[in-house]
Amino acid sequence: MNLRCLSGFTLTELAVVLAVIAIVATFSTPSFVVWHKRDQIDARARTMMSTLMPARSQAIGRGARVTLCRIDAARACLTAGKPCDGGLTD
């Protein structure tokens, strides 16, 4: 009788690997969410700094006070506390 060597994975091995992947995914998801929120905050901070630096340069160059304001879609200044229409970015 000639027995051939079969290569591959058994159902048990596949189930163990899938269980390990599921456990790793379960533990890594919360840290991914925290990382994503921190990245969003960092991006907004960089955007704010990129807005403030030219305003500072203008104030120094003019020797006068420069005022920054949030704008709506029509590029009109918004009053403090007023939300943007349509959820557009300031």
PDB file of N, CA and C in Angstrom:
ATOM      1  N   MET A   1       0.827  -1.165   0.000  1.00  0.00           N
ATOM      2  CA  MET A   1       0.000   0.000   0.000  1.00  0.00           C
ATOM      3  C   MET A   1       0.886   1.248   0.000  1.00  0.00           C
ATOM      4  N   ASN A   2       0.593   2.197  -0.845  1.00  0.00           N
ATOM      5  CA  ASN A   2       1.393   3.394  -0.987  1.00  0.00           C
ATOM      6  C   ASN A   2       0.616   4.585  -0.405  1.00  0.00           C
ATOM      7  N   LEU A   3       1.144   5.175   0.675  1.00  0.00           N
ATOM      8  CA  LEU A   3       0.505   6.338   1.303  1.00  0.00           C
ATOM      9  C   LEU A   3       1.172   7.607   0.801  1.00  0.00           C
ATOM     10  N   ARG A   4       0.371   8.508   0.314  1.00  0.00           N
ATOM     11  CA  ARG A   4       0.909   9.789  -0.127  1.00  0.00           C
ATOM     12  C   ARG A   4       0.847  10.771   1.037  1.00  0.00           C
ATOM     13  N   CYS A   5       1.840  11.639   1.094  1.00  0.00           N
ATOM     14  CA  CYS A   5       1.875  12.674   2.133  1.00  0.00           C
ATOM     15  C   CYS A   5       1.034  13.853   1.653  1.00  0.00           C
ATOM     16  N   LEU A   6      -0.025  14.129   2.359  1.00  0.00           N
ATOM     17  CA  LEU A   6      -0.896  15.238   2.007  1.00  0.00           C
ATOM     18  C   LEU A   6      -0.489  16.463   2.801  1.00  0.00           C
ATOM     19  N   SER A   7      -0.325  17.560   2.108  1.00  0.00           N
ATOM     20  CA  SER A   7       0.021  18.792   2.817  1.00  0.00           C
ATOM     21  C   SER A   7      -1.187  19.703   2.819  1.00  0.00           C
ATOM     22  N   GLY A   8      -1.316  20.488   3.882  1.00  0.00           N
ATOM     23  CA  GLY A   8      -2.428  21.410   4.009  1.00  0.00           C
ATOM     24  C   GLY A   8      -2.749  21.622   5.469  1.00  0.00           C
ATOM     25  N   PHE A   9      -3.862  22.258   5.714  1.00  0.00           N
ATOM     26  CA  PHE A   9      -4.269  22.559   7.079  1.00  0.00           C
ATOM     27  C   PHE A   9      -5.481  21.711   7.433  1.00  0.00           C
ATOM     28  N   THR A  10      -5.510  21.308   8.671  1.00  0.00           N
ATOM     29  CA  THR A  10      -6.692  20.601   9.145  1.00  0.00           C
ATOM     30  C   THR A  10      -7.723  21.631   9.584  1.00  0.00           C
ATOM     31  N   LEU A  11      -8.934  21.175   9.758  1.00  0.00           N
ATOM     32  CA  LEU A  11     -10.007  22.058  10.193  1.00  0.00           C
ATOM     33  C   LEU A  11      -9.718  22.613  11.584  1.00  0.00           C
ATOM     34  N   THR A  12      -9.112  21.798  12.433  1.00  0.00           N
ATOM     35  CA  THR A  12      -8.764  22.247  13.789  1.00  0.00           C
ATOM     36  C   THR A  12      -7.712  23.351  13.746  1.00  0.00           C
ATOM     37  N   GLU A  13      -6.686  23.188  12.924  1.00  0.00           N
ATOM     38  CA  GLU A  13      -5.659  24.218  12.803  1.00  0.00           C
ATOM     39  C   GLU A  13      -6.246  25.526  12.279  1.00  0.00           C
ATOM     40  N   LEU A  14      -7.118  25.438  11.314  1.00  0.00           N
ATOM     41  CA  LEU A  14      -7.757  26.617  10.768  1.00  0.00           C
ATOM     42  C   LEU A  14      -8.621  27.313  11.809  1.00  0.00           C
ATOM     43  N   ALA A  15      -9.340  26.556  12.607  1.00  0.00           N
ATOM     44  CA  ALA A  15     -10.181  27.137  13.658  1.00  0.00           C
ATOM     45  C   ALA A  15      -9.333  27.835  14.711  1.00  0.00           C
ATOM     46  N   VAL A  16      -8.192  27.266  15.072  1.00  0.00           N
ATOM     47  CA  VAL A  16      -7.304  27.878  16.066  1.00  0.00           C
ATOM     48  C   VAL A  16      -6.738  29.191  15.528  1.00  0.00           C
ATOM     49  N   VAL A  17      -6.315  29.200  14.287  1.00  0.00           N
ATOM     50  CA  VAL A  17      -5.767  30.421  13.692  1.00  0.00           C
ATOM     51  C   VAL A  17      -6.835  31.508  13.626  1.00  0.00           C
ATOM     52  N   LEU A  18      -8.038  31.174  13.230  1.00  0.00           N
ATOM     53  CA  LEU A  18      -9.118  32.154  13.190  1.00  0.00           C
ATOM     54  C   LEU A  18      -9.459  32.681  14.576  1.00  0.00           C
ATOM     55  N   ALA A  19      -9.408  31.818  15.575  1.00  0.00           N
ATOM     56  CA  ALA A  19      -9.673  32.254  16.953  1.00  0.00           C
ATOM     57  C   ALA A  19      -8.592  33.226  17.422  1.00  0.00           C
ATOM     58  N   VAL A  20      -7.343  32.954  17.105  1.00  0.00           N
ATOM     59  CA  VAL A  20      -6.249  33.848  17.482  1.00  0.00           C
ATOM     60  C   VAL A  20      -6.403  35.194  16.782  1.00  0.00           C
ATOM     61  N   ILE A  21      -6.750  35.178  15.509  1.00  0.00           N
ATOM     62  CA  ILE A  21      -6.956  36.426  14.770  1.00  0.00           C
ATOM     63  C   ILE A  21      -8.103  37.217  15.383  1.00  0.00           C
ATOM     64  N   ALA A  22      -9.182  36.541  15.758  1.00  0.00           N
ATOM     65  CA  ALA A  22     -10.327  37.229  16.370  1.00  0.00           C
ATOM     66  C   ALA A  22      -9.949  37.851  17.706  1.00  0.00           C
ATOM     67  N   ILE A  23      -9.147  37.172  18.500  1.00  0.00           N
ATOM     68  CA  ILE A  23      -8.715  37.703  19.797  1.00  0.00           C
ATOM     69  C   ILE A  23      -7.823  38.924  19.606  1.00  0.00           C
ATOM     70  N   VAL A  24      -6.888  38.840  18.687  1.00  0.00           N
ATOM     71  CA  VAL A  24      -5.995  39.979  18.415  1.00  0.00           C
ATOM     72  C   VAL A  24      -6.795  41.169  17.899  1.00  0.00           C
ATOM     73  N   ALA A  25      -7.756  40.932  17.018  1.00  0.00           N
ATOM     74  CA  ALA A  25      -8.585  42.021  16.500  1.00  0.00           C
ATOM     75  C   ALA A  25      -9.419  42.653  17.612  1.00  0.00           C
ATOM     76  N   THR A  26      -9.918  41.840  18.523  1.00  0.00           N
ATOM     77  CA  THR A  26     -10.722  42.362  19.631  1.00  0.00           C
ATOM     78  C   THR A  26      -9.902  43.279  20.530  1.00  0.00           C
ATOM     79  N   PHE A  27      -8.671  42.911  20.802  1.00  0.00           N
ATOM     80  CA  PHE A  27      -7.835  43.737  21.675  1.00  0.00           C
ATOM     81  C   PHE A  27      -7.252  44.945  20.960  1.00  0.00           C
ATOM     82  N   SER A  28      -7.094  44.895  19.662  1.00  0.00           N
ATOM     83  CA  SER A  28      -6.479  46.020  18.949  1.00  0.00           C
ATOM     84  C   SER A  28      -7.485  47.083  18.523  1.00  0.00           C
ATOM     85  N   THR A  29      -8.751  46.760  18.438  1.00  0.00           N
ATOM     86  CA  THR A  29      -9.757  47.723  17.983  1.00  0.00           C
ATOM     87  C   THR A  29      -9.853  48.962  18.868  1.00  0.00           C
ATOM     88  N   PRO A  30      -9.934  48.842  20.203  1.00  0.00           N
ATOM     89  CA  PRO A  30     -10.003  50.064  21.019  1.00  0.00           C
ATOM     90  C   PRO A  30      -8.793  50.973  20.850  1.00  0.00           C
ATOM     91  N   SER A  31      -7.612  50.407  20.748  1.00  0.00           N
ATOM     92  CA  SER A  31      -6.432  51.252  20.581  1.00  0.00           C
ATOM     93  C   SER A  31      -6.432  51.911  19.200  1.00  0.00           C
ATOM     94  N   PHE A  32      -6.996  51.251  18.206  1.00  0.00           N
ATOM     95  CA  PHE A  32      -7.104  51.866  16.880  1.00  0.00           C
ATOM     96  C   PHE A  32      -8.051  53.054  16.916  1.00  0.00           C
ATOM     97  N   VAL A  33      -9.160  52.932  17.642  1.00  0.00           N
ATOM     98  CA  VAL A  33     -10.131  54.021  17.752  1.00  0.00           C
ATOM     99  C   VAL A  33      -9.479  55.216  18.447  1.00  0.00           C
ATOM    100  N   VAL A  34      -8.750  54.973  19.519  1.00  0.00           N
ATOM    101  CA  VAL A  34      -8.059  56.047  20.241  1.00  0.00           C
ATOM    102  C   VAL A  34      -7.025  56.694  19.331  1.00  0.00           C
ATOM    103  N   TRP A  35      -6.275  55.889  18.593  1.00  0.00           N
ATOM    104  CA  TRP A  35      -5.274  56.440  17.678  1.00  0.00           C
ATOM    105  C   TRP A  35      -5.942  57.311  16.620  1.00  0.00           C
ATOM    106  N   HIS A  36      -7.070  56.865  16.083  1.00  0.00           N
ATOM    107  CA  HIS A  36      -7.766  57.625  15.041  1.00  0.00           C
ATOM    108  C   HIS A  36      -8.258  58.968  15.577  1.00  0.00           C
ATOM    109  N   LYS A  37      -8.822  58.981  16.784  1.00  0.00           N
ATOM    110  CA  LYS A  37      -9.287  60.245  17.373  1.00  0.00           C
ATOM    111  C   LYS A  37      -8.115  61.183  17.633  1.00  0.00           C
ATOM    112  N   ARG A  38      -7.025  60.642  18.144  1.00  0.00           N
ATOM    113  CA  ARG A  38      -5.838  61.467  18.401  1.00  0.00           C
ATOM    114  C   ARG A  38      -5.290  62.039  17.103  1.00  0.00           C
ATOM    115  N   ASP A  39      -5.330  61.257  16.034  1.00  0.00           N
ATOM    116  CA  ASP A  39      -4.858  61.736  14.736  1.00  0.00           C
ATOM    117  C   ASP A  39      -5.754  62.857  14.216  1.00  0.00           C
ATOM    118  N   GLN A  40      -7.067  62.753  14.422  1.00  0.00           N
ATOM    119  CA  GLN A  40      -7.971  63.823  14.011  1.00  0.00           C
ATOM    120  C   GLN A  40      -7.699  65.110  14.782  1.00  0.00           C
ATOM    121  N   ILE A  41      -7.453  64.985  16.075  1.00  0.00           N
ATOM    122  CA  ILE A  41      -7.158  66.166  16.899  1.00  0.00           C
ATOM    123  C   ILE A  41      -5.850  66.802  16.441  1.00  0.00           C
ATOM    124  N   ASP A  42      -4.842  65.976  16.176  1.00  0.00           N
ATOM    125  CA  ASP A  42      -3.559  66.508  15.693  1.00  0.00           C
ATOM    126  C   ASP A  42      -3.726  67.223  14.354  1.00  0.00           C
ATOM    127  N   ALA A  43      -4.537  66.662  13.462  1.00  0.00           N
ATOM    128  CA  ALA A  43      -4.754  67.291  12.155  1.00  0.00           C
ATOM    129  C   ALA A  43      -5.444  68.639  12.318  1.00  0.00           C
ATOM    130  N   ARG A  44      -6.413  68.722  13.208  1.00  0.00           N
ATOM    131  CA  ARG A  44      -7.095  70.003  13.432  1.00  0.00           C
ATOM    132  C   ARG A  44      -6.160  71.024  14.063  1.00  0.00           C
ATOM    133  N   ALA A  45      -5.292  70.563  14.953  1.00  0.00           N
ATOM    134  CA  ALA A  45      -4.326  71.480  15.571  1.00  0.00           C
ATOM    135  C   ALA A  45      -3.342  72.007  14.525  1.00  0.00           C
ATOM    136  N   ARG A  46      -2.892  71.122  13.622  1.00  0.00           N
ATOM    137  CA  ARG A  46      -1.989  71.567  12.549  1.00  0.00           C
ATOM    138  C   ARG A  46      -2.692  72.558  11.623  1.00  0.00           C
ATOM    139  N   THR A  47      -3.971  72.317  11.333  1.00  0.00           N
ATOM    140  CA  THR A  47      -4.731  73.243  10.497  1.00  0.00           C
ATOM    141  C   THR A  47      -4.858  74.596  11.173  1.00  0.00           C
ATOM    142  N   MET A  48      -5.114  74.587  12.460  1.00  0.00           N
ATOM    143  CA  MET A  48      -5.240  75.849  13.188  1.00  0.00           C
ATOM    144  C   MET A  48      -3.914  76.607  13.194  1.00  0.00           C
ATOM    145  N   MET A  49      -2.824  75.889  13.410  1.00  0.00           N
ATOM    146  CA  MET A  49      -1.512  76.546  13.402  1.00  0.00           C
ATOM    147  C   MET A  49      -1.187  77.097  12.018  1.00  0.00           C
ATOM    148  N   SER A  50      -1.583  76.371  10.955  1.00  0.00           N
ATOM    149  CA  SER A  50      -1.311  76.869   9.615  1.00  0.00           C
ATOM    150  C   SER A  50      -2.164  78.093   9.300  1.00  0.00           C
ATOM    151  N   THR A  51      -3.233  78.306  10.028  1.00  0.00           N
ATOM    152  CA  THR A  51      -4.042  79.514   9.882  1.00  0.00           C
ATOM    153  C   THR A  51      -3.478  80.658  10.720  1.00  0.00           C
ATOM    154  N   LEU A  52      -3.017  80.339  11.915  1.00  0.00           N
ATOM    155  CA  LEU A  52      -2.531  81.376  12.817  1.00  0.00           C
ATOM    156  C   LEU A  52      -1.194  81.976  12.397  1.00  0.00           C
ATOM    157  N   MET A  53      -0.323  81.176  11.812  1.00  0.00           N
ATOM    158  CA  MET A  53       1.004  81.686  11.464  1.00  0.00           C
ATOM    159  C   MET A  53       0.954  82.788  10.399  1.00  0.00           C
ATOM    160  N   PRO A  54       0.201  82.650   9.295  1.00  0.00           N
ATOM    161  CA  PRO A  54       0.112  83.766   8.346  1.00  0.00           C
ATOM    162  C   PRO A  54      -0.566  84.996   8.956  1.00  0.00           C
ATOM    163  N   ALA A  55      -1.549  84.777   9.835  1.00  0.00           N
ATOM    164  CA  ALA A  55      -2.204  85.915  10.485  1.00  0.00           C
ATOM    165  C   ALA A  55      -1.203  86.653  11.365  1.00  0.00           C
ATOM    166  N   ARG A  56      -0.378  85.912  12.044  1.00  0.00           N
ATOM    167  CA  ARG A  56       0.657  86.531  12.887  1.00  0.00           C
ATOM    168  C   ARG A  56       1.629  87.330  12.025  1.00  0.00           C
ATOM    169  N   SER A  57       2.032  86.753  10.906  1.00  0.00           N
ATOM    170  CA  SER A  57       2.943  87.462  10.007  1.00  0.00           C
ATOM    171  C   SER A  57       2.309  88.741   9.467  1.00  0.00           C
ATOM    172  N   GLN A  58       1.026  88.669   9.123  1.00  0.00           N
ATOM    173  CA  GLN A  58       0.323  89.865   8.642  1.00  0.00           C
ATOM    174  C   GLN A  58       0.268  90.938   9.728  1.00  0.00           C
ATOM    175  N   ALA A  59      -0.001  90.530  10.954  1.00  0.00           N
ATOM    176  CA  ALA A  59      -0.080  91.491  12.056  1.00  0.00           C
ATOM    177  C   ALA A  59       1.269  92.164  12.287  1.00  0.00           C
ATOM    178  N   ILE A  60       2.336  91.380  12.224  1.00  0.00           N
ATOM    179  CA  ILE A  60       3.668  91.950  12.414  1.00  0.00           C
ATOM    180  C   ILE A  60       4.007  92.878  11.247  1.00  0.00           C
ATOM    181  N   GLY A  61       3.717  92.438  10.034  1.00  0.00           N
ATOM    182  CA  GLY A  61       4.034  93.239   8.851  1.00  0.00           C
ATOM    183  C   GLY A  61       3.252  94.553   8.801  1.00  0.00           C
ATOM    184  N   ARG A  62       2.011  94.524   9.188  1.00  0.00           N
ATOM    185  CA  ARG A  62       1.182  95.727   9.162  1.00  0.00           C
ATOM    186  C   ARG A  62       1.347  96.578  10.407  1.00  0.00           C
ATOM    187  N   GLY A  63       1.841  95.954  11.450  1.00  0.00           N
ATOM    188  CA  GLY A  63       1.941  96.664  12.722  1.00  0.00           C
ATOM    189  C   GLY A  63       0.570  96.958  13.313  1.00  0.00           C
ATOM    190  N   ALA A  64      -0.367  96.093  13.033  1.00  0.00           N
ATOM    191  CA  ALA A  64      -1.737  96.301  13.494  1.00  0.00           C
ATOM    192  C   ALA A  64      -2.336  94.965  13.910  1.00  0.00           C
ATOM    193  N   ARG A  65      -3.448  95.031  14.595  1.00  0.00           N
ATOM    194  CA  ARG A  65      -4.149  93.833  15.031  1.00  0.00           C
ATOM    195  C   ARG A  65      -4.851  93.192  13.832  1.00  0.00           C
ATOM    196  N   VAL A  66      -4.751  91.875  13.733  1.00  0.00           N
ATOM    197  CA  VAL A  66      -5.421  91.112  12.685  1.00  0.00           C
ATOM    198  C   VAL A  66      -6.422  90.200  13.372  1.00  0.00           C
ATOM    199  N   THR A  67      -7.632  90.166  12.840  1.00  0.00           N
ATOM    200  CA  THR A  67      -8.691  89.349  13.436  1.00  0.00           C
ATOM    201  C   THR A  67      -9.011  88.167  12.536  1.00  0.00           C
ATOM    202  N   LEU A  68      -9.068  86.990  13.128  1.00  0.00           N
ATOM    203  CA  LEU A  68      -9.479  85.789  12.414  1.00  0.00           C
ATOM    204  C   LEU A  68     -10.934  85.513  12.753  1.00  0.00           C
ATOM    205  N   CYS A  69     -11.683  85.046  11.772  1.00  0.00           N
ATOM    206  CA  CYS A  69     -13.060  84.658  12.056  1.00  0.00           C
ATOM    207  C   CYS A  69     -13.406  83.405  11.264  1.00  0.00           C
ATOM    208  N   ARG A  70     -14.370  82.664  11.785  1.00  0.00           N
ATOM    209  CA  ARG A  70     -14.868  81.499  11.057  1.00  0.00           C
ATOM    210  C   ARG A  70     -15.728  81.998   9.915  1.00  0.00           C
ATOM    211  N   ILE A  71     -15.717  81.251   8.800  1.00  0.00           N
ATOM    212  CA  ILE A  71     -16.517  81.673   7.654  1.00  0.00           C
ATOM    213  C   ILE A  71     -17.495  80.567   7.272  1.00  0.00           C
ATOM    214  N   ASP A  72     -18.578  80.966   6.621  1.00  0.00           N
ATOM    215  CA  ASP A  72     -19.535  79.987   6.120  1.00  0.00           C
ATOM    216  C   ASP A  72     -19.238  79.707   4.647  1.00  0.00           C
ATOM    217  N   ALA A  73     -20.139  79.008   3.979  1.00  0.00           N
ATOM    218  CA  ALA A  73     -19.918  78.628   2.584  1.00  0.00           C
ATOM    219  C   ALA A  73     -19.824  79.849   1.666  1.00  0.00           C
ATOM    220  N   ALA A  74     -20.477  80.965   2.054  1.00  0.00           N
ATOM    221  CA  ALA A  74     -20.428  82.185   1.250  1.00  0.00           C
ATOM    222  C   ALA A  74     -19.217  83.048   1.598  1.00  0.00           C
ATOM    223  N   ARG A  75     -18.335  82.501   2.426  1.00  0.00           N
ATOM    224  CA  ARG A  75     -17.111  83.163   2.882  1.00  0.00           C
ATOM    225  C   ARG A  75     -17.397  84.424   3.680  1.00  0.00           C
ATOM    226  N   ALA A  76     -18.531  84.442   4.380  1.00  0.00           N
ATOM    227  CA  ALA A  76     -18.884  85.543   5.270  1.00  0.00           C
ATOM    228  C   ALA A  76     -18.559  85.121   6.704  1.00  0.00           C
ATOM    229  N   CYS A  77     -18.069  86.074   7.494  1.00  0.00           N
ATOM    230  CA  CYS A  77     -17.709  85.760   8.873  1.00  0.00           C
ATOM    231  C   CYS A  77     -18.936  85.344   9.679  1.00  0.00           C
ATOM    232  N   LEU A  78     -18.751  84.321  10.510  1.00  0.00           N
ATOM    233  CA  LEU A  78     -19.804  83.863  11.403  1.00  0.00           C
ATOM    234  C   LEU A  78     -19.630  84.527  12.760  1.00  0.00           C
ATOM    235  N   THR A  79     -20.724  84.810  13.404  1.00  0.00           N
ATOM    236  CA  THR A  79     -20.636  85.340  14.760  1.00  0.00           C
ATOM    237  C   THR A  79     -20.268  84.208  15.708  1.00  0.00           C
ATOM    238  N   ALA A  80     -19.745  84.551  16.850  1.00  0.00           N
ATOM    239  CA  ALA A  80     -19.319  83.543  17.820  1.00  0.00           C
ATOM    240  C   ALA A  80     -20.502  82.667  18.227  1.00  0.00           C
ATOM    241  N   GLY A  81     -20.305  81.382  18.230  1.00  0.00           N
ATOM    242  CA  GLY A  81     -21.325  80.442  18.648  1.00  0.00           C
ATOM    243  C   GLY A  81     -22.313  80.056  17.568  1.00  0.00           C
ATOM    244  N   LYS A  82     -22.251  80.651  16.393  1.00  0.00           N
ATOM    245  CA  LYS A  82     -23.177  80.327  15.316  1.00  0.00           C
ATOM    246  C   LYS A  82     -22.625  79.138  14.520  1.00  0.00           C
ATOM    247  N   PRO A  83     -23.433  78.101  14.315  1.00  0.00           N
ATOM    248  CA  PRO A  83     -22.939  76.944  13.567  1.00  0.00           C
ATOM    249  C   PRO A  83     -22.895  77.221  12.070  1.00  0.00           C
ATOM    250  N   CYS A  84     -22.072  76.499  11.381  1.00  0.00           N
ATOM    251  CA  CYS A  84     -22.000  76.609   9.926  1.00  0.00           C
ATOM    252  C   CYS A  84     -23.223  75.941   9.315  1.00  0.00           C
ATOM    253  N   ASP A  85     -23.769  76.499   8.253  1.00  0.00           N
ATOM    254  CA  ASP A  85     -24.897  75.901   7.561  1.00  0.00           C
ATOM    255  C   ASP A  85     -24.445  74.692   6.764  1.00  0.00           C
ATOM    256  N   GLY A  86     -25.219  73.648   6.819  1.00  0.00           N
ATOM    257  CA  GLY A  86     -24.904  72.455   6.021  1.00  0.00           C
ATOM    258  C   GLY A  86     -23.727  71.669   6.520  1.00  0.00           C
ATOM    259  N   GLY A  87     -23.206  71.964   7.691  1.00  0.00           N
ATOM    260  CA  GLY A  87     -22.095  71.210   8.244  1.00  0.00           C
ATOM    261  C   GLY A  87     -20.783  71.391   7.501  1.00  0.00           C
ATOM    262  N   LEU A  88     -20.653  72.501   6.772  1.00  0.00           N
ATOM    263  CA  LEU A  88     -19.431  72.727   6.029  1.00  0.00           C
ATOM    264  C   LEU A  88     -18.270  73.057   6.969  1.00  0.00           C
ATOM    265  N   THR A  89     -17.072  72.751   6.528  1.00  0.00           N
ATOM    266  CA  THR A  89     -15.887  73.023   7.312  1.00  0.00           C
ATOM    267  C   THR A  89     -15.603  74.515   7.351  1.00  0.00           C
ATOM    268  N   ASP A  90     -15.180  74.995   8.495  1.00  0.00           N
ATOM    269  CA  ASP A  90     -14.840  76.427   8.625  1.00  0.00           C
ATOM    270  C   ASP A  90     -13.622  76.733   7.787  1.00  0.00           C
TER     271      ASP A  90
END
